[in-house]
Amino acid sequence: MLPESTALHLRRTLAVALLFATVSLSCLVLFRDVDSSRFLPQFSSAYSLYGFSSIFPLVGNDSTAANNEYPLEKVLKDAAMEDKTVILTTLNEAWATPNSVIDLFLESFRTGEHTSRFLNHLVIIALDQKAFARCQVIHIYCFFLISEGSDFHEEAYFMSPVYLKMMWRRIDFLRSVLEMGYNFVFTDADIMWFRDPFPRFYADADFQIACDYFKGNPDDLANIPNGGFNFAKSSNRSIEFYKFWYSSREKYPGFHDQDVLNFIKDHPFIRNLGLKMKFLDTASFGGLCEPSKDLNEVCTMHANCCFGMDTKINDLRVMLEDWKHYLALPPNLKRLSVVSWRVPQKCSLKALQRHGSPETSVQSG
C-alpha cells in the first residue's frame, strides 16, 4: 500500500492532468467554432451545433442519431423558396473530397449570373457519413440519407451495381419529397449552374427533364432524357408517376433510372395519369453529349457522356474557365458569341459506351 503522501501526490497529479485535458479540449472546440464562423458567417447556431455532433460521432452519437437529430422536414422547410421549391443534389465521399466535384459545383453557383442566391435553397443529400461531415463544413443545408444494407461512399462507376442502387435510391427519395408537398429541381453535382434556369422552365409541366439529345420539340417523346437534371412539381400526378417509375425497375432489371424512363415515358399508365411531361432544350440545358452552342443562352452544363471522376473533374474545370473567360468579355463581343466550349477534352462518349447499359444504351452518368 502506498504512503499517504505519495497517494496524495498521485491524486493531485491526476487532477492536474485531467484539468489540462479538459481545458485543451474546450480550447479546441472554441477554436473550431470561431474558425468556422469566420468562414461561414451565414450558418445559424443550430446548424453549427449539429455539424459538431456529426463530425465527432464517437461522443454519444452514431449515423442514425445524426440523421434523426435534424429531420428532413425541417431542412426542406428552411431551404424552400416561397412556393415550396427546393434544389436538391446528392453527394457521396468520392465526390466530396476537397477540390473535387462538389467544390466545382458550388463554385459555379457563385460565378454564374444571378445564381448565388440559389445556394440558400440548395439541400445536399449525403449518402454516407464522410460526405455528410464534409457538407457540414461547406454548406448550410445538409441531410444524411441512410440506405440500409448499401455503402455509397466510393466512386460509383457508370452502370456498376453500386451505381444502379444509388440511382434507384435517389428516385425513391425524390418521390418522398414530392409526398411532403415540396417541388424540387434535382441536379447532379457534376452540373455547372451558369444562369437562373427558372425562366426557361415550362409553367404548365408537372415534370420536365434535361436531355442527352434534344430533337427540337419539348413534347417529343423521342427525346433522350437525362435523369441528372429535372424539375418536378408536387401533385398527385407527379407522386404516382415517381411511384410507377420506381416500381418499373423490377420489370427492367439491370437498367438505370433514365433508361427505364425511356422505356415507360409513353406507357398508358402515364398517359392516363394526365401527367404533363416536357423535355428541356440542350441550347439552355446542355451537356458534353450535346453542348449548348451559345454561351449567351446556356443555363446549365452537365459532364454527361463521361466515364470516371478524374475525367469529369478535368472537363468541369475547363467549363468553369470557359465561362469566366466569357464573363470577362465586353458586351459587344459576348453578343457575337465569339467564345465556345473547349469541352469535351478528357471525357468521351466512346469510353462511356464501353461501360454502358446491358444493351446499346448511350445514357450518361
Protein backbone atom coordinates (compact mmCIF):
# COMPACT_ATOMS: atom_id res chain seq x y z
CA MET A 1 0.00 0.00 0.00
CA LEU A 2 1.35 3.49 -0.97
CA PRO A 3 2.26 6.01 1.76
CA GLU A 4 -0.38 8.72 2.25
CA SER A 5 1.91 11.50 0.94
CA THR A 6 2.67 9.53 -2.22
CA ALA A 7 -1.00 8.72 -2.86
CA LEU A 8 -1.94 12.38 -2.34
CA HIS A 9 0.75 13.40 -4.80
CA LEU A 10 -0.59 10.97 -7.40
CA ARG A 11 -4.16 12.19 -6.93
CA ARG A 12 -3.03 15.80 -7.39
CA THR A 13 -1.06 14.87 -10.49
CA LEU A 14 -4.06 13.09 -11.98
CA ALA A 15 -6.33 16.02 -11.17
CA VAL A 16 -3.97 18.48 -12.85
CA ALA A 17 -3.70 16.22 -15.90
CA LEU A 18 -7.48 15.92 -16.10
CA LEU A 19 -7.91 19.69 -15.79
CA PHE A 20 -5.32 20.27 -18.52
CA ALA A 21 -7.08 17.82 -20.84
CA THR A 22 -10.46 19.45 -20.21
CA VAL A 23 -9.14 22.95 -20.87
CA SER A 24 -7.31 21.77 -24.01
CA LEU A 25 -10.47 20.13 -25.38
CA SER A 26 -12.52 23.24 -24.62
CA CYS A 27 -9.99 25.42 -26.44
CA LEU A 28 -10.03 23.06 -29.38
CA VAL A 29 -13.82 23.23 -29.63
CA LEU A 30 -13.79 27.02 -29.17
CA PHE A 31 -11.12 27.43 -31.86
CA ARG A 32 -13.13 25.26 -34.25
CA ASP A 33 -16.31 27.25 -33.65
CA VAL A 34 -14.55 30.58 -34.06
CA ASP A 35 -12.68 29.41 -37.15
CA SER A 36 -15.84 28.01 -38.72
CA SER A 37 -17.86 31.14 -38.01
CA ARG A 38 -15.16 33.27 -39.60
CA PHE A 39 -15.52 31.46 -42.91
CA LEU A 40 -19.22 30.58 -42.67
CA PRO A 41 -20.94 33.55 -41.03
CA GLN A 42 -24.32 32.70 -42.55
CA PHE A 43 -24.62 29.44 -40.63
CA SER A 44 -27.08 29.52 -37.77
CA SER A 45 -26.03 28.27 -34.35
CA ALA A 46 -28.41 25.33 -34.62
CA TYR A 47 -26.75 24.13 -37.83
CA SER A 48 -23.28 24.68 -36.35
CA LEU A 49 -24.05 22.59 -33.29
CA TYR A 50 -25.48 19.90 -35.49
CA GLY A 51 -22.33 19.95 -37.57
CA PHE A 52 -20.21 19.45 -34.45
CA SER A 53 -22.18 16.41 -33.36
CA SER A 54 -21.90 14.83 -36.80
CA ILE A 55 -18.18 15.44 -37.21
CA PHE A 56 -17.40 13.89 -33.81
CA PRO A 57 -19.72 10.85 -33.88
CA LEU A 58 -17.93 8.99 -31.09
CA VAL A 59 -19.27 11.34 -28.44
CA GLY A 60 -22.57 9.61 -27.78
CA ASN A 61 -23.59 9.69 -31.45
CA ASP A 62 -23.97 7.44 -34.49
CA SER A 63 -25.14 7.83 -38.08
CA THR A 64 -28.75 7.13 -37.18
CA ALA A 65 -28.74 9.74 -34.43
CA ALA A 66 -27.11 12.24 -36.81
CA ASN A 67 -29.90 11.70 -39.30
CA ASN A 68 -32.77 11.87 -36.84
CA GLU A 69 -31.41 14.84 -34.92
CA TYR A 70 -32.17 17.17 -37.80
CA PRO A 71 -35.16 15.74 -39.75
CA LEU A 72 -35.68 16.18 -43.46
CA GLU A 73 -38.88 18.16 -42.97
CA LYS A 74 -37.01 20.94 -41.16
CA VAL A 75 -34.17 21.02 -43.70
CA LEU A 76 -36.64 21.32 -46.57
CA LYS A 77 -38.74 23.93 -44.79
CA ASP A 78 -35.71 26.10 -44.03
CA ALA A 79 -34.29 25.81 -47.55
CA ALA A 80 -37.52 26.16 -49.55
CA MET A 81 -38.47 29.11 -51.70
CA GLU A 82 -41.79 30.82 -51.09
CA ASP A 83 -43.58 28.37 -53.40
CA LYS A 84 -42.08 25.37 -51.54
CA THR A 85 -39.48 24.66 -54.22
CA VAL A 86 -36.08 23.30 -53.20
CA ILE A 87 -32.94 22.48 -55.16
CA LEU A 88 -31.55 19.03 -54.38
CA THR A 89 -28.31 17.24 -55.15
CA THR A 90 -26.75 14.03 -53.86
CA LEU A 91 -23.20 13.56 -52.62
CA ASN A 92 -21.01 10.63 -51.65
CA GLU A 93 -17.50 10.53 -50.23
CA ALA A 94 -15.82 10.16 -53.63
CA TRP A 95 -17.31 13.44 -54.91
CA ALA A 96 -16.97 15.20 -51.55
CA THR A 97 -13.19 15.33 -51.23
CA PRO A 98 -11.66 18.84 -51.28
CA ASN A 99 -11.11 20.30 -54.77
CA SER A 100 -13.39 17.64 -56.21
CA VAL A 101 -16.80 17.68 -57.89
CA ILE A 102 -18.80 19.30 -55.08
CA ASP A 103 -16.43 22.28 -54.84
CA LEU A 104 -16.69 22.95 -58.57
CA PHE A 105 -20.47 22.60 -58.34
CA LEU A 106 -20.73 25.22 -55.60
CA GLU A 107 -18.25 27.49 -57.38
CA SER A 108 -20.48 27.52 -60.46
CA PHE A 109 -23.33 28.99 -58.38
CA ARG A 110 -21.01 31.73 -57.12
CA THR A 111 -19.69 32.63 -60.58
CA GLY A 112 -22.94 32.26 -62.52
CA GLU A 113 -25.23 35.16 -63.42
CA HIS A 114 -27.75 35.65 -60.58
CA THR A 115 -27.25 32.09 -59.34
CA SER A 116 -25.51 32.59 -55.98
CA ARG A 117 -28.88 33.20 -54.31
CA PHE A 118 -29.89 29.64 -55.12
CA LEU A 119 -27.34 28.37 -52.61
CA ASN A 120 -29.87 29.49 -49.97
CA HIS A 121 -32.29 26.91 -51.40
CA LEU A 122 -29.89 24.06 -52.12
CA VAL A 123 -30.03 20.92 -49.99
CA ILE A 124 -27.15 18.46 -50.28
CA ILE A 125 -28.27 14.89 -49.67
CA ALA A 126 -25.28 13.00 -48.27
CA LEU A 127 -25.18 9.28 -48.98
CA ASP A 128 -22.52 8.40 -46.40
CA GLN A 129 -21.11 9.75 -43.14
CA LYS A 130 -17.97 11.35 -44.63
CA ALA A 131 -19.94 13.13 -47.32
CA PHE A 132 -22.28 14.40 -44.61
CA ALA A 133 -19.39 15.68 -42.49
CA ARG A 134 -17.86 17.48 -45.49
CA CYS A 135 -21.23 19.00 -46.35
CA GLN A 136 -21.44 20.44 -42.84
CA VAL A 137 -18.18 22.30 -43.49
CA ILE A 138 -19.00 23.76 -46.91
CA HIS A 139 -22.77 24.26 -46.95
CA ILE A 140 -25.63 25.12 -44.62
CA TYR A 141 -28.37 22.68 -45.67
CA CYS A 142 -27.32 19.04 -45.41
CA PHE A 143 -29.23 15.81 -44.87
CA PHE A 144 -27.82 12.34 -44.29
CA LEU A 145 -29.85 9.78 -46.23
CA ILE A 146 -29.35 6.37 -44.66
CA SER A 147 -29.65 3.40 -47.01
CA GLU A 148 -29.85 0.13 -45.14
CA GLY A 149 -27.50 -2.52 -46.49
CA SER A 150 -25.83 -0.19 -49.02
CA ASP A 151 -22.48 1.60 -48.97
CA PHE A 152 -22.25 4.52 -51.39
CA HIS A 153 -19.02 6.14 -50.21
CA GLU A 154 -16.78 5.02 -53.11
CA GLU A 155 -16.87 6.28 -56.68
CA ALA A 156 -19.87 4.65 -58.32
CA TYR A 157 -18.77 3.76 -61.84
CA PHE A 158 -21.42 4.08 -64.52
CA MET A 159 -23.71 1.02 -64.62
CA SER A 160 -21.91 -0.75 -61.76
CA PRO A 161 -24.18 -2.43 -59.17
CA VAL A 162 -23.47 0.37 -56.69
CA TYR A 163 -24.31 2.98 -59.34
CA LEU A 164 -27.66 1.32 -60.06
CA LYS A 165 -28.57 1.09 -56.38
CA MET A 166 -27.64 4.75 -55.90
CA MET A 167 -29.76 5.91 -58.85
CA TRP A 168 -32.82 3.97 -57.74
CA ARG A 169 -32.42 5.10 -54.13
CA ARG A 170 -32.46 8.64 -55.48
CA ILE A 171 -35.73 8.10 -57.37
CA ASP A 172 -37.42 6.70 -54.27
CA PHE A 173 -36.16 9.60 -52.15
CA LEU A 174 -37.40 12.21 -54.64
CA ARG A 175 -40.83 10.61 -54.53
CA SER A 176 -40.86 11.12 -50.75
CA VAL A 177 -40.00 14.81 -51.20
CA LEU A 178 -43.00 15.22 -53.51
CA GLU A 179 -45.21 13.45 -50.96
CA MET A 180 -44.11 16.01 -48.36
CA GLY A 181 -45.54 18.74 -50.59
CA TYR A 182 -42.30 20.17 -51.99
CA ASN A 183 -41.46 20.89 -55.61
CA PHE A 184 -37.85 20.24 -56.47
CA VAL A 185 -35.18 20.87 -59.03
CA PHE A 186 -32.91 17.86 -58.88
CA THR A 187 -29.40 18.48 -60.17
CA ASP A 188 -26.41 16.16 -60.29
CA ALA A 189 -23.33 17.70 -58.68
CA ASP A 190 -21.45 17.40 -61.98
CA ILE A 191 -23.69 20.10 -63.48
CA MET A 192 -22.48 23.67 -63.65
CA TRP A 193 -25.09 26.36 -62.93
CA PHE A 194 -24.35 29.43 -65.05
CA ARG A 195 -27.77 31.16 -65.22
CA ASP A 196 -31.15 31.11 -63.49
CA PRO A 197 -33.00 28.17 -65.09
CA PHE A 198 -36.48 29.03 -63.83
CA PRO A 199 -37.40 31.43 -66.67
CA ARG A 200 -36.65 28.59 -69.11
CA PHE A 201 -38.90 26.06 -67.38
CA TYR A 202 -42.39 25.35 -68.71
CA ALA A 203 -45.05 26.76 -66.39
CA ASP A 204 -47.65 24.09 -67.21
CA ALA A 205 -45.44 21.00 -66.87
CA ASP A 206 -45.70 18.52 -63.99
CA PHE A 207 -42.31 17.04 -64.81
CA GLN A 208 -39.58 18.39 -67.07
CA ILE A 209 -36.19 16.86 -67.68
CA ALA A 210 -32.91 17.65 -69.40
CA CYS A 211 -31.79 15.63 -72.41
CA ASP A 212 -28.65 13.95 -73.64
CA TYR A 213 -30.02 14.56 -77.13
CA PHE A 214 -32.83 17.01 -77.93
CA LYS A 215 -34.91 16.50 -81.07
CA GLY A 216 -36.19 20.08 -81.29
CA ASN A 217 -39.66 19.66 -79.76
CA PRO A 218 -40.17 19.71 -75.96
CA ASP A 219 -43.19 17.41 -76.29
CA ASP A 220 -41.48 14.81 -78.47
CA LEU A 221 -41.19 11.52 -76.60
CA ALA A 222 -38.30 10.60 -78.91
CA ASN A 223 -36.08 12.98 -76.95
CA ILE A 224 -33.37 11.15 -74.97
CA PRO A 225 -33.75 12.26 -71.31
CA ASN A 226 -31.02 12.54 -68.70
CA GLY A 227 -32.07 11.98 -65.09
CA GLY A 228 -29.33 14.25 -63.75
CA PHE A 229 -31.43 17.39 -64.07
CA ASN A 230 -35.19 17.68 -63.71
CA PHE A 231 -37.92 19.85 -62.23
CA ALA A 232 -40.95 18.19 -60.64
CA LYS A 233 -43.97 19.88 -59.08
CA SER A 234 -45.69 18.20 -56.18
CA SER A 235 -49.09 16.81 -57.14
CA ASN A 236 -50.93 13.50 -57.12
CA ARG A 237 -49.90 13.08 -60.76
CA SER A 238 -46.18 13.55 -60.13
CA ILE A 239 -46.23 11.36 -56.99
CA GLU A 240 -47.91 8.49 -58.83
CA PHE A 241 -45.52 8.97 -61.74
CA TYR A 242 -42.49 8.60 -59.47
CA LYS A 243 -44.00 5.53 -57.81
CA PHE A 244 -44.57 3.95 -61.21
CA TRP A 245 -41.07 4.89 -62.36
CA TYR A 246 -39.51 3.32 -59.26
CA SER A 247 -41.61 0.14 -59.46
CA SER A 248 -40.70 -0.28 -63.14
CA ARG A 249 -37.10 -1.13 -62.15
CA GLU A 250 -38.36 -4.65 -61.42
CA LYS A 251 -39.57 -5.07 -64.99
CA TYR A 252 -36.23 -3.87 -66.38
CA PRO A 253 -33.52 -5.31 -64.10
CA GLY A 254 -30.01 -4.14 -64.85
CA PHE A 255 -31.12 -0.81 -66.29
CA HIS A 256 -30.79 2.53 -64.58
CA ASP A 257 -33.43 5.17 -63.97
CA GLN A 258 -33.12 7.15 -67.19
CA ASP A 259 -33.11 4.03 -69.37
CA VAL A 260 -36.27 2.87 -67.63
CA LEU A 261 -37.80 6.33 -68.08
CA ASN A 262 -37.11 5.96 -71.79
CA PHE A 263 -38.99 2.65 -71.77
CA ILE A 264 -42.03 3.91 -69.84
CA LYS A 265 -42.39 7.56 -70.98
CA ASP A 266 -45.16 6.59 -73.42
CA HIS A 267 -46.77 4.00 -71.15
CA PRO A 268 -50.59 4.08 -70.96
CA PHE A 269 -50.39 4.43 -67.16
CA ILE A 270 -48.54 7.75 -67.51
CA ARG A 271 -50.89 8.96 -70.24
CA ASN A 272 -53.90 8.08 -68.11
CA LEU A 273 -52.42 9.99 -65.17
CA GLY A 274 -52.61 13.13 -67.26
CA LEU A 275 -49.00 13.90 -66.38
CA LYS A 276 -47.62 16.74 -68.50
CA MET A 277 -44.00 15.87 -69.34
CA LYS A 278 -41.63 18.26 -71.10
CA PHE A 279 -38.09 17.83 -72.38
CA LEU A 280 -35.60 20.67 -71.93
CA ASP A 281 -33.66 22.08 -74.87
CA THR A 282 -29.91 21.45 -74.79
CA ALA A 283 -29.46 25.02 -76.06
CA SER A 284 -30.15 26.10 -72.47
CA PHE A 285 -29.57 22.87 -70.56
CA GLY A 286 -26.55 21.41 -72.32
CA GLY A 287 -24.00 18.73 -71.62
CA LEU A 288 -21.00 17.04 -73.08
CA CYS A 289 -23.25 14.74 -75.12
CA GLU A 290 -24.74 17.79 -76.84
CA PRO A 291 -23.15 21.06 -75.64
CA SER A 292 -25.01 24.36 -75.59
CA LYS A 293 -23.77 26.25 -78.62
CA ASP A 294 -24.38 29.80 -77.37
CA LEU A 295 -22.94 30.99 -74.06
CA ASN A 296 -25.50 33.82 -74.14
CA GLU A 297 -28.24 31.21 -73.72
CA VAL A 298 -26.75 28.48 -71.54
CA CYS A 299 -28.20 27.92 -68.06
CA THR A 300 -26.55 24.64 -67.08
CA MET A 301 -23.86 22.35 -68.47
CA HIS A 302 -23.59 18.70 -67.48
CA ALA A 303 -20.48 16.50 -67.52
CA ASN A 304 -22.57 13.70 -69.02
CA CYS A 305 -21.29 11.25 -71.64
CA CYS A 306 -18.25 10.95 -69.40
CA PHE A 307 -16.74 7.98 -67.58
CA GLY A 308 -14.61 8.35 -64.45
CA MET A 309 -14.25 11.04 -61.83
CA ASP A 310 -10.85 12.36 -62.92
CA THR A 311 -12.06 12.99 -66.44
CA LYS A 312 -15.21 14.68 -65.14
CA ILE A 313 -13.22 16.98 -62.85
CA ASN A 314 -10.91 17.97 -65.70
CA ASP A 315 -13.74 18.90 -68.04
CA LEU A 316 -15.77 20.62 -65.31
CA ARG A 317 -12.78 22.85 -64.58
CA VAL A 318 -12.44 23.67 -68.25
CA MET A 319 -16.15 24.57 -68.37
CA LEU A 320 -15.69 26.99 -65.48
CA GLU A 321 -12.63 28.54 -67.14
CA ASP A 322 -14.55 28.99 -70.40
CA TRP A 323 -17.43 30.59 -68.52
CA LYS A 324 -15.15 33.01 -66.67
CA HIS A 325 -13.47 33.94 -69.95
CA TYR A 326 -16.92 34.65 -71.41
CA LEU A 327 -17.87 36.84 -68.44
CA ALA A 328 -14.70 38.90 -68.88
CA LEU A 329 -15.61 39.82 -72.46
CA PRO A 330 -17.06 43.27 -73.28
CA PRO A 331 -20.81 43.19 -74.08
CA ASN A 332 -20.35 43.59 -77.84
CA LEU A 333 -18.11 40.52 -78.03
CA LYS A 334 -20.48 38.50 -75.86
CA ARG A 335 -23.30 39.19 -78.31
CA LEU A 336 -21.16 37.93 -81.18
CA SER A 337 -20.74 34.56 -79.44
CA VAL A 338 -17.02 34.56 -80.12
CA VAL A 339 -16.36 32.15 -77.23
CA SER A 340 -17.12 28.44 -77.49
CA TRP A 341 -16.63 25.49 -75.17
CA ARG A 342 -13.30 23.70 -75.16
CA VAL A 343 -15.00 20.56 -73.88
CA PRO A 344 -15.15 17.65 -74.10
CA GLN A 345 -11.46 17.11 -73.57
CA LYS A 346 -10.79 14.02 -71.45
CA CYS A 347 -14.43 12.95 -71.44
CA SER A 348 -15.55 10.88 -74.40
CA LEU A 349 -18.70 9.08 -75.45
CA LYS A 350 -16.69 6.09 -76.68
CA ALA A 351 -15.30 5.47 -73.19
CA LEU A 352 -18.82 5.63 -71.79
CA GLN A 353 -20.25 3.18 -74.30
CA ARG A 354 -17.66 0.58 -73.30
CA HIS A 355 -19.19 0.65 -69.82
CA GLY A 356 -22.81 1.15 -70.88
CA SER A 357 -26.19 -0.39 -70.25
CA PRO A 358 -26.92 -4.07 -70.87
CA GLU A 359 -27.87 -3.42 -74.49
CA THR A 360 -26.94 -0.40 -76.65
CA SER A 361 -27.90 2.49 -74.41
CA VAL A 362 -25.80 5.65 -74.59
CA GLN A 363 -27.28 7.13 -71.47
CA SER A 364 -24.75 9.06 -69.46
CA GLY A 365 -23.56 9.18 -65.91
